[in-house]
Amino acid sequence: MAWSETGLDRAMNHTPAMQFNMFKSRIKSWDDLFQEAADFARTIGPGRVVSVSHSCDAGVSVVAVWYWEKGSKQLDVMAD
């Protein structure tokens, strides 16, 4: 991805806000959780997604989508 596609300015004149959305379950399959996370990531657009992470502890599966908040001034250009 080219720097210009991120929506961030190189001087970092504005601080973007990092957000996350968690998908967790004890009974859903990993496929279902990852599909939910992928669907969410698709709705916010690839320019705002930072990463997708996953973990499992005590039988609870978690997938997290980390992304730049839409209201961040650098990312307003990505909203269209």
C-alpha atoms as a PDB file:
ATOM      1  CA  MET A   1       0.000   0.000   0.000  1.00  0.00           C
ATOM      2  CA  ALA A   2       1.351   3.419  -0.939  1.00  0.00           C
ATOM      3  CA  TRP A   3       1.737   6.000   1.824  1.00  0.00           C
ATOM      4  CA  SER A   4      -0.900   8.200   0.186  1.00  0.00           C
ATOM      5  CA  GLU A   5      -3.449   5.369   0.423  1.00  0.00           C
ATOM      6  CA  THR A   6      -3.220   5.276   4.223  1.00  0.00           C
ATOM      7  CA  GLY A   7      -4.751   8.727   4.610  1.00  0.00           C
ATOM      8  CA  LEU A   8      -2.053   9.675   7.134  1.00  0.00           C
ATOM      9  CA  ASP A   9       0.007  12.793   6.666  1.00  0.00           C
ATOM     10  CA  ARG A  10       3.768  12.318   6.983  1.00  0.00           C
ATOM     11  CA  ALA A  11       4.120  15.236   9.387  1.00  0.00           C
ATOM     12  CA  MET A  12       1.578  13.612  11.746  1.00  0.00           C
ATOM     13  CA  ASN A  13      -0.104  16.970  12.386  1.00  0.00           C
ATOM     14  CA  HIS A  14      -3.116  15.124  13.784  1.00  0.00           C
ATOM     15  CA  THR A  15      -3.138  12.091  16.045  1.00  0.00           C
ATOM     16  CA  PRO A  16      -5.282   9.308  14.624  1.00  0.00           C
ATOM     17  CA  ALA A  17      -7.413   7.325  17.033  1.00  0.00           C
ATOM     18  CA  MET A  18      -6.899   3.560  17.081  1.00  0.00           C
ATOM     19  CA  GLN A  19     -10.004   1.431  17.617  1.00  0.00           C
ATOM     20  CA  PHE A  20     -10.783  -2.272  17.764  1.00  0.00           C
ATOM     21  CA  ASN A  21     -13.742  -4.567  17.357  1.00  0.00           C
ATOM     22  CA  MET A  22     -13.708  -7.962  19.068  1.00  0.00           C
ATOM     23  CA  PHE A  23     -15.534 -11.083  17.952  1.00  0.00           C
ATOM     24  CA  LYS A  24     -15.554 -13.747  20.653  1.00  0.00           C
ATOM     25  CA  SER A  25     -17.304 -16.978  21.373  1.00  0.00           C
ATOM     26  CA  ARG A  26     -17.084 -20.259  23.227  1.00  0.00           C
ATOM     27  CA  ILE A  27     -19.204 -22.154  20.717  1.00  0.00           C
ATOM     28  CA  LYS A  28     -18.707 -20.615  17.251  1.00  0.00           C
ATOM     29  CA  SER A  29     -16.130 -22.128  14.942  1.00  0.00           C
ATOM     30  CA  TRP A  30     -12.929 -20.279  14.055  1.00  0.00           C
ATOM     31  CA  ASP A  31     -14.254 -20.070  10.491  1.00  0.00           C
ATOM     32  CA  ASP A  32     -17.382 -18.276  11.687  1.00  0.00           C
ATOM     33  CA  LEU A  33     -15.433 -15.834  13.881  1.00  0.00           C
ATOM     34  CA  PHE A  34     -12.944 -15.024  11.139  1.00  0.00           C
ATOM     35  CA  GLN A  35     -15.788 -14.552   8.658  1.00  0.00           C
ATOM     36  CA  GLU A  36     -17.471 -12.062  11.007  1.00  0.00           C
ATOM     37  CA  ALA A  37     -14.180 -10.199  11.394  1.00  0.00           C
ATOM     38  CA  ALA A  38     -13.581 -10.206   7.628  1.00  0.00           C
ATOM     39  CA  ASP A  39     -17.101  -8.904   6.979  1.00  0.00           C
ATOM     40  CA  PHE A  40     -16.543  -6.077   9.455  1.00  0.00           C
ATOM     41  CA  ALA A  41     -13.127  -5.233   7.981  1.00  0.00           C
ATOM     42  CA  ARG A  42     -14.663  -5.130   4.514  1.00  0.00           C
ATOM     43  CA  THR A  43     -17.283  -2.603   5.655  1.00  0.00           C
ATOM     44  CA  ILE A  44     -14.701  -0.148   7.020  1.00  0.00           C
ATOM     45  CA  GLY A  45     -12.352  -0.514   4.055  1.00  0.00           C
ATOM     46  CA  PRO A  46      -8.763  -1.727   3.666  1.00  0.00           C
ATOM     47  CA  GLY A  47      -7.275   1.744   4.127  1.00  0.00           C
ATOM     48  CA  ARG A  48      -8.471   1.857   7.734  1.00  0.00           C
ATOM     49  CA  VAL A  49      -7.634  -1.708   8.817  1.00  0.00           C
ATOM     50  CA  VAL A  50      -4.371  -1.978  10.745  1.00  0.00           C
ATOM     51  CA  SER A  51      -4.391  -5.665  11.621  1.00  0.00           C
ATOM     52  CA  VAL A  52      -6.410  -8.701  12.604  1.00  0.00           C
ATOM     53  CA  SER A  53      -5.312 -10.738  15.613  1.00  0.00           C
ATOM     54  CA  HIS A  54      -6.633 -13.823  17.339  1.00  0.00           C
ATOM     55  CA  SER A  55      -6.263 -15.681  20.613  1.00  0.00           C
ATOM     56  CA  CYS A  56      -7.838 -18.432  22.648  1.00  0.00           C
ATOM     57  CA  ASP A  57      -7.855 -18.714  26.428  1.00  0.00           C
ATOM     58  CA  ALA A  58      -9.952 -20.879  28.709  1.00  0.00           C
ATOM     59  CA  GLY A  59     -12.039 -22.025  25.768  1.00  0.00           C
ATOM     60  CA  VAL A  60     -12.933 -18.514  24.579  1.00  0.00           C
ATOM     61  CA  SER A  61     -11.889 -17.745  21.006  1.00  0.00           C
ATOM     62  CA  VAL A  62     -11.274 -14.087  20.166  1.00  0.00           C
ATOM     63  CA  VAL A  63     -10.622 -12.329  16.852  1.00  0.00           C
ATOM     64  CA  ALA A  64      -9.848  -8.607  17.000  1.00  0.00           C
ATOM     65  CA  VAL A  65      -9.855  -6.159  14.107  1.00  0.00           C
ATOM     66  CA  TRP A  66      -7.679  -3.103  14.810  1.00  0.00           C
ATOM     67  CA  TYR A  67      -8.446  -0.038  12.716  1.00  0.00           C
ATOM     68  CA  TRP A  68      -8.138   3.744  12.462  1.00  0.00           C
ATOM     69  CA  GLU A  69     -11.193   5.616  13.658  1.00  0.00           C
ATOM     70  CA  LYS A  70     -13.191   7.210  10.833  1.00  0.00           C
ATOM     71  CA  GLY A  71     -13.210  10.613  12.530  1.00  0.00           C
ATOM     72  CA  SER A  72      -9.413  10.804  12.432  1.00  0.00           C
ATOM     73  CA  LYS A  73      -8.536  13.753  10.246  1.00  0.00           C
ATOM     74  CA  GLN A  74      -5.945  11.813   8.279  1.00  0.00           C
ATOM     75  CA  LEU A  75      -8.475   9.164   7.365  1.00  0.00           C
ATOM     76  CA  ASP A  76     -11.398  11.308   6.308  1.00  0.00           C
ATOM     77  CA  VAL A  77     -10.172  11.003   2.721  1.00  0.00           C
ATOM     78  CA  MET A  78     -10.558   7.216   2.962  1.00  0.00           C
ATOM     79  CA  ALA A  79     -14.262   7.410   3.792  1.00  0.00           C
ATOM     80  CA  ASP A  80     -15.396   8.004   0.224  1.00  0.00           C
END
